[in-house]
């Protein structure tokens, strides 16, 4: 009787696909689907939240940007253009798509049982978010940028405005690339050094716990990616000697799956916190709660992308963010 084409010693793409399909089926039980759906729903709302359009961004922050010199939304065309140019110096939108793309990679790898590569994605997300924050800090604060632009321009034609709007993005992108090149060549600053810089964003709330969590998880992910006694123990496990190496570790492991989903929540929590504290600093709000209140006043609490902030079921998975904005603590 012929042996199964999926048994040990046989190799084919059909066998690989069969293993993956089995792992996906085991990963996506009703219970696990609910966990992932909650995570994906929250991630989608965060994406809407962090990428407002130009008009919305202007109307939320114009008072802080102008340091109170523009009292209402009935502003001159010059003021509109100066505020929009100032907003170009908050650069989170430049990297957010990459961060959430990699978040999708991590979730997909979790579903197909490629647990080791989840750590690579999450480590990359942490490094990129912290590196961006370090860069954003050097760009200064919106009121100072607005003041300098106001001193330089008593009028701006539409053509000049369009040129400046794109030039600011190009210059910021070039600066970011230069800093990244220096980091690769010199190995400096290190991740702990970059994470410690986030303390400079403190506005009415201490960030020590967030910073220590960033450094802990970066070290944890690094131990899973690079050769270490921990990875060698996995490589030399007897369980990995049952078939060709490229057919190994396709099994669903409930404990690892649950731990990874919990860890992804932790990373989402920390990345959003980094964005919030950087934005609070940039727009010169007294604390993250006041910064968020401006947005709540603008949209209302029932808006699609802010609603999750008032959902205790979601916010229990985002404890750092909950502490920053202090919405659910009193409820």
Protein backbone atom coordinates (compact mmCIF):
# COMPACT_ATOMS: atom_id res chain seq x y z
CA UNK A 1 0.00 0.00 0.00
CA UNK A 2 1.41 3.39 -0.99
CA UNK A 3 2.44 5.74 1.77
CA UNK A 4 0.68 9.08 2.22
CA UNK A 5 2.22 11.86 0.12
CA UNK A 6 2.03 14.00 3.27
CA UNK A 7 3.99 11.60 5.48
CA UNK A 8 7.61 12.03 6.71
CA UNK A 9 10.21 11.84 3.97
CA UNK A 10 7.95 13.17 1.25
CA UNK A 11 8.10 16.71 -0.07
CA UNK A 12 5.72 18.77 -2.19
CA UNK A 13 3.97 22.12 -2.20
CA UNK A 14 0.71 20.24 -1.59
CA UNK A 15 2.11 18.91 1.66
CA UNK A 16 3.22 22.37 2.75
CA UNK A 17 -0.17 23.89 1.88
CA UNK A 18 -1.94 21.08 3.71
CA UNK A 19 0.09 21.76 6.85
CA UNK A 20 -0.62 25.48 6.62
CA UNK A 21 -4.34 24.91 6.00
CA UNK A 22 -4.55 22.64 9.03
CA UNK A 23 -2.82 25.22 11.22
CA UNK A 24 -5.11 28.01 9.96
CA UNK A 25 -8.18 25.89 10.67
CA UNK A 26 -6.99 25.21 14.21
CA UNK A 27 -6.02 28.87 14.71
CA UNK A 28 -9.38 30.24 13.61
CA UNK A 29 -11.76 28.58 16.02
CA UNK A 30 -14.79 30.67 17.00
CA UNK A 31 -13.02 31.68 20.21
CA UNK A 32 -9.83 32.73 18.44
CA UNK A 33 -11.72 34.54 15.68
CA UNK A 34 -13.40 36.71 18.30
CA UNK A 35 -10.01 37.57 19.80
CA UNK A 36 -8.54 38.49 16.44
CA UNK A 37 -11.64 40.36 15.28
CA UNK A 38 -11.48 42.58 18.36
CA UNK A 39 -7.80 43.24 17.72
CA UNK A 40 -8.32 43.99 14.01
CA UNK A 41 -11.34 46.20 14.69
CA UNK A 42 -9.34 48.23 17.19
CA UNK A 43 -6.36 48.48 14.84
CA UNK A 44 -8.65 49.76 12.08
CA UNK A 45 -10.10 52.46 14.33
CA UNK A 46 -6.60 53.51 15.38
CA UNK A 47 -5.64 53.86 11.72
CA UNK A 48 -8.58 56.22 11.14
CA UNK A 49 -7.65 58.09 14.30
CA UNK A 50 -3.99 58.64 13.49
CA UNK A 51 -4.43 59.76 9.87
CA UNK A 52 -6.81 62.75 9.87
CA UNK A 53 -7.26 64.81 6.72
CA UNK A 54 -5.70 68.25 6.41
CA UNK A 55 -8.87 70.21 7.25
CA UNK A 56 -9.64 68.10 10.32
CA UNK A 57 -6.12 68.38 11.67
CA UNK A 58 -6.22 72.15 11.23
CA UNK A 59 -9.59 72.58 12.93
CA UNK A 60 -8.67 70.43 15.95
CA UNK A 61 -5.33 72.03 16.77
CA UNK A 62 -5.46 75.60 15.41
CA UNK A 63 -5.69 77.23 18.85
CA UNK A 64 -2.63 75.42 20.19
CA UNK A 65 -0.66 75.92 16.98
CA UNK A 66 -1.29 79.67 16.94
CA UNK A 67 -0.81 79.93 20.70
CA UNK A 68 -4.30 81.43 20.94
CA UNK A 69 -3.69 84.14 18.33
CA UNK A 70 -6.31 82.64 16.02
CA UNK A 71 -9.51 82.69 18.13
CA UNK A 72 -11.93 80.90 15.80
CA UNK A 73 -12.25 78.80 12.67
CA UNK A 74 -13.12 81.95 10.72
CA UNK A 75 -9.50 82.52 9.80
CA UNK A 76 -7.71 84.23 6.96
CA UNK A 77 -6.38 82.25 4.04
CA UNK A 78 -2.83 83.07 5.17
CA UNK A 79 -3.51 81.58 8.60
CA UNK A 80 -5.01 78.44 7.06
CA UNK A 81 -1.89 77.92 4.97
CA UNK A 82 0.49 78.63 7.86
CA UNK A 83 -1.33 76.13 10.09
CA UNK A 84 -1.33 73.47 7.36
CA UNK A 85 2.40 73.99 6.82
CA UNK A 86 3.02 73.70 10.56
CA UNK A 87 1.08 70.43 10.69
CA UNK A 88 3.45 69.01 8.07
CA UNK A 89 6.12 68.92 10.76
CA UNK A 90 4.21 66.25 12.67
CA UNK A 91 5.40 63.27 10.68
CA UNK A 92 3.68 60.22 12.19
CA UNK A 93 1.70 59.72 9.01
CA UNK A 94 5.00 59.14 7.18
CA UNK A 95 5.59 55.86 9.00
CA UNK A 96 2.18 54.73 10.22
CA UNK A 97 1.29 52.73 7.12
CA UNK A 98 4.56 50.79 7.45
CA UNK A 99 3.90 50.10 11.12
CA UNK A 100 0.40 48.77 10.56
CA UNK A 101 1.46 46.84 7.46
CA UNK A 102 3.98 45.02 9.65
CA UNK A 103 1.27 44.53 12.27
CA UNK A 104 -0.72 42.68 9.59
CA UNK A 105 2.32 40.54 8.82
CA UNK A 106 2.59 39.61 12.51
CA UNK A 107 -1.08 38.64 12.74
CA UNK A 108 -0.89 36.56 9.54
CA UNK A 109 2.18 34.72 10.81
CA UNK A 110 0.40 34.03 14.07
CA UNK A 111 -2.54 32.48 12.19
CA UNK A 112 -0.36 30.18 10.06
CA UNK A 113 1.72 29.08 13.06
CA UNK A 114 4.91 30.93 12.07
CA UNK A 115 5.34 32.13 15.63
CA UNK A 116 9.07 32.86 15.45
CA UNK A 117 8.64 35.45 12.70
CA UNK A 118 6.00 37.29 14.72
CA UNK A 119 8.83 38.41 16.98
CA UNK A 120 10.71 39.87 13.99
CA UNK A 121 7.71 41.97 12.99
CA UNK A 122 6.97 43.21 16.50
CA UNK A 123 10.61 44.09 17.11
CA UNK A 124 10.68 46.06 13.85
CA UNK A 125 7.52 47.93 14.86
CA UNK A 126 9.02 48.92 18.21
CA UNK A 127 12.32 50.03 16.70
CA UNK A 128 10.66 52.06 13.95
CA UNK A 129 8.16 53.77 16.27
CA UNK A 130 10.87 54.74 18.78
CA UNK A 131 13.28 55.86 16.08
CA UNK A 132 10.53 58.05 14.61
CA UNK A 133 9.75 59.53 18.04
CA UNK A 134 13.41 60.41 18.52
CA UNK A 135 13.38 62.14 15.13
CA UNK A 136 10.08 63.93 15.82
CA UNK A 137 11.45 65.34 19.06
CA UNK A 138 14.18 67.16 17.11
CA UNK A 139 11.61 68.94 14.91
CA UNK A 140 10.41 71.09 17.80
CA UNK A 141 6.93 72.30 18.76
CA UNK A 142 4.09 73.53 16.59
CA UNK A 143 3.69 77.00 18.21
CA UNK A 144 7.37 77.77 17.61
CA UNK A 145 7.21 76.54 14.02
CA UNK A 146 4.04 78.56 13.38
CA UNK A 147 5.64 81.68 14.85
CA UNK A 148 8.73 81.29 12.66
CA UNK A 149 6.60 80.77 9.56
CA UNK A 150 4.50 83.83 10.45
CA UNK A 151 7.65 85.91 10.77
CA UNK A 152 8.92 84.70 7.40
CA UNK A 153 5.68 85.06 5.43
CA UNK A 154 3.26 87.99 5.46
CA UNK A 155 1.58 86.44 2.47
CA UNK A 156 1.78 83.11 0.62
CA UNK A 157 0.46 82.56 -2.87
CA UNK A 158 -1.27 79.29 -3.68
CA UNK A 159 1.73 78.24 -5.76
CA UNK A 160 4.19 79.02 -2.94
CA UNK A 161 1.98 77.17 -0.48
CA UNK A 162 1.85 74.03 -2.63
CA UNK A 163 5.61 74.11 -3.17
CA UNK A 164 6.32 74.59 0.55
CA UNK A 165 3.82 71.89 1.50
CA UNK A 166 5.70 69.31 -0.55
CA UNK A 167 9.15 70.71 0.25
CA UNK A 168 8.62 70.27 4.00
CA UNK A 169 7.79 66.60 3.49
CA UNK A 170 10.85 66.07 1.28
CA UNK A 171 13.17 67.82 3.75
CA UNK A 172 11.80 65.88 6.72
CA UNK A 173 12.08 62.61 4.79
CA UNK A 174 15.69 63.43 3.89
CA UNK A 175 16.53 64.24 7.51
CA UNK A 176 14.96 60.99 8.65
CA UNK A 177 16.94 59.00 6.08
CA UNK A 178 20.18 60.73 7.10
CA UNK A 179 19.61 59.85 10.75
CA UNK A 180 18.81 56.27 9.77
CA UNK A 181 22.01 56.04 7.70
CA UNK A 182 24.07 57.33 10.62
CA UNK A 183 22.46 54.81 12.94
CA UNK A 184 23.31 51.94 10.58
CA UNK A 185 26.90 53.10 10.11
CA UNK A 186 27.67 53.98 13.73
CA UNK A 187 25.32 51.64 15.58
CA UNK A 188 24.19 54.67 17.55
CA UNK A 189 21.93 55.50 19.15
CA UNK A 190 21.09 52.08 20.58
CA UNK A 191 17.49 51.07 21.19
CA UNK A 192 17.68 51.69 24.99
CA UNK A 193 19.10 55.16 24.27
CA UNK A 194 16.31 55.91 21.80
CA UNK A 195 13.65 54.58 24.20
CA UNK A 196 15.01 56.76 27.01
CA UNK A 197 14.60 59.83 24.80
CA UNK A 198 10.82 59.35 24.97
CA UNK A 199 11.03 60.71 28.50
CA UNK A 200 11.48 64.15 26.90
CA UNK A 201 7.84 63.95 25.77
CA UNK A 202 6.55 63.92 29.35
CA UNK A 203 3.64 66.33 29.67
CA UNK A 204 1.75 65.99 32.94
CA UNK A 205 2.34 62.24 33.25
CA UNK A 206 5.38 60.06 33.89
CA UNK A 207 6.50 57.69 31.14
CA UNK A 208 8.92 55.46 33.08
CA UNK A 209 6.67 52.38 32.91
CA UNK A 210 6.16 52.79 29.16
CA UNK A 211 9.90 53.20 28.55
CA UNK A 212 10.82 50.16 30.62
CA UNK A 213 8.19 48.08 28.79
CA UNK A 214 9.62 49.15 25.44
CA UNK A 215 13.11 48.05 26.46
CA UNK A 216 11.88 44.78 27.98
CA UNK A 217 9.93 43.67 24.90
CA UNK A 218 12.68 44.74 22.50
CA UNK A 219 15.14 42.57 24.43
CA UNK A 220 12.62 39.72 24.55
CA UNK A 221 12.03 39.81 20.77
CA UNK A 222 15.76 40.05 20.10
CA UNK A 223 16.37 36.85 22.05
CA UNK A 224 13.88 35.07 19.77
CA UNK A 225 15.37 36.41 16.53
CA UNK A 226 19.13 36.15 17.01
CA UNK A 227 21.04 32.99 17.81
CA UNK A 228 20.93 32.51 21.57
CA UNK A 229 20.68 29.68 24.07
CA UNK A 230 16.93 30.16 23.88
CA UNK A 231 16.72 29.73 20.09
CA UNK A 232 19.21 26.85 20.13
CA UNK A 233 17.04 24.98 22.59
CA UNK A 234 14.19 25.19 20.09
CA UNK A 235 16.35 24.24 17.11
CA UNK A 236 17.72 21.16 18.85
CA UNK A 237 14.37 20.00 20.19
CA UNK A 238 13.61 16.34 19.39
CA UNK A 239 10.23 17.43 18.07
CA UNK A 240 11.95 19.15 15.15
CA UNK A 241 13.54 15.94 13.89
CA UNK A 242 10.43 14.26 12.52
CA UNK A 243 10.67 15.38 8.89
CA UNK A 244 12.52 17.75 6.54
CA UNK A 245 13.44 21.02 8.26
CA UNK A 246 11.29 23.09 5.93
CA UNK A 247 8.19 21.18 7.05
CA UNK A 248 8.72 21.89 10.74
CA UNK A 249 6.69 24.04 13.16
CA UNK A 250 3.43 24.22 11.22
CA UNK A 251 1.43 23.09 14.23
CA UNK A 252 -1.05 25.23 16.11
CA UNK A 253 -0.10 25.76 19.76
CA UNK A 254 -2.92 27.29 21.76
CA UNK A 255 -0.71 28.63 24.56
CA UNK A 256 1.73 30.25 22.13
CA UNK A 257 -1.12 31.62 20.04
CA UNK A 258 -2.81 33.19 23.08
CA UNK A 259 0.48 34.62 24.36
CA UNK A 260 1.27 36.14 20.96
CA UNK A 261 -2.17 37.76 20.62
CA UNK A 262 -1.72 39.25 24.11
CA UNK A 263 1.73 40.49 23.14
CA UNK A 264 0.46 42.08 19.93
CA UNK A 265 -2.02 44.02 22.06
CA UNK A 266 0.90 45.21 24.19
CA UNK A 267 2.77 46.46 21.12
CA UNK A 268 -0.31 48.22 19.73
CA UNK A 269 -0.78 49.84 23.13
CA UNK A 270 2.81 51.11 23.28
CA UNK A 271 2.90 52.38 19.69
CA UNK A 272 -0.30 54.40 20.15
CA UNK A 273 1.10 55.80 23.40
CA UNK A 274 4.25 56.91 21.62
CA UNK A 275 2.16 58.69 19.01
CA UNK A 276 -0.06 60.36 21.63
CA UNK A 277 2.78 61.64 23.83
CA UNK A 278 4.69 62.90 20.79
CA UNK A 279 1.60 64.69 19.49
CA UNK A 280 0.84 66.13 22.94
CA UNK A 281 4.37 67.53 23.06
CA UNK A 282 4.32 68.82 19.47
CA UNK A 283 1.05 70.74 19.89
CA UNK A 284 2.04 71.89 23.40
CA UNK A 285 -0.93 70.44 25.28
CA UNK A 286 -0.55 70.23 29.05
CA UNK A 287 -1.18 66.46 29.06
CA UNK A 288 -2.48 63.66 26.77
CA UNK A 289 -5.98 63.83 28.24
CA UNK A 290 -6.37 67.49 27.27
CA UNK A 291 -5.00 66.75 23.82
CA UNK A 292 -7.60 64.02 23.37
CA UNK A 293 -10.38 66.20 24.75
CA UNK A 294 -9.94 68.61 21.85
CA UNK A 295 -10.57 65.75 19.44
CA UNK A 296 -13.57 64.48 21.42
CA UNK A 297 -15.05 67.97 21.34
CA UNK A 298 -14.57 68.04 17.59
CA UNK A 299 -15.90 64.60 16.69
CA UNK A 300 -18.05 63.52 19.68
CA UNK A 301 -17.54 60.27 21.60
CA UNK A 302 -19.69 58.31 19.14
CA UNK A 303 -17.37 58.76 16.18
CA UNK A 304 -16.23 55.52 14.58
CA UNK A 305 -12.55 55.86 15.38
CA UNK A 306 -12.82 57.27 18.93
CA UNK A 307 -15.53 54.99 20.21
CA UNK A 308 -13.07 52.28 21.24
CA UNK A 309 -11.53 54.64 23.80
CA UNK A 310 -14.75 54.36 25.83
CA UNK A 311 -15.06 50.59 25.54
CA UNK A 312 -13.74 48.96 28.71
CA UNK A 313 -13.48 45.59 27.00
CA UNK A 314 -10.99 47.08 24.54
CA UNK A 315 -9.20 49.45 26.88
CA UNK A 316 -8.32 46.67 29.33
CA UNK A 317 -6.03 45.46 26.53
CA UNK A 318 -4.49 48.95 26.26
CA UNK A 319 -3.52 49.76 29.87
CA UNK A 320 -0.76 52.25 29.03
CA UNK A 321 -3.08 54.23 26.77
CA UNK A 322 -5.82 54.09 29.39
CA UNK A 323 -3.45 55.52 31.98
CA UNK A 324 -2.35 58.26 29.58
CA UNK A 325 -5.79 59.54 28.66
CA UNK A 326 -7.47 58.65 31.99
CA UNK A 327 -10.95 58.21 30.53
CA UNK A 328 -12.01 54.87 31.96
CA UNK A 329 -10.23 55.12 35.31
CA UNK A 330 -13.09 56.88 37.04
CA UNK A 331 -15.87 54.72 35.57
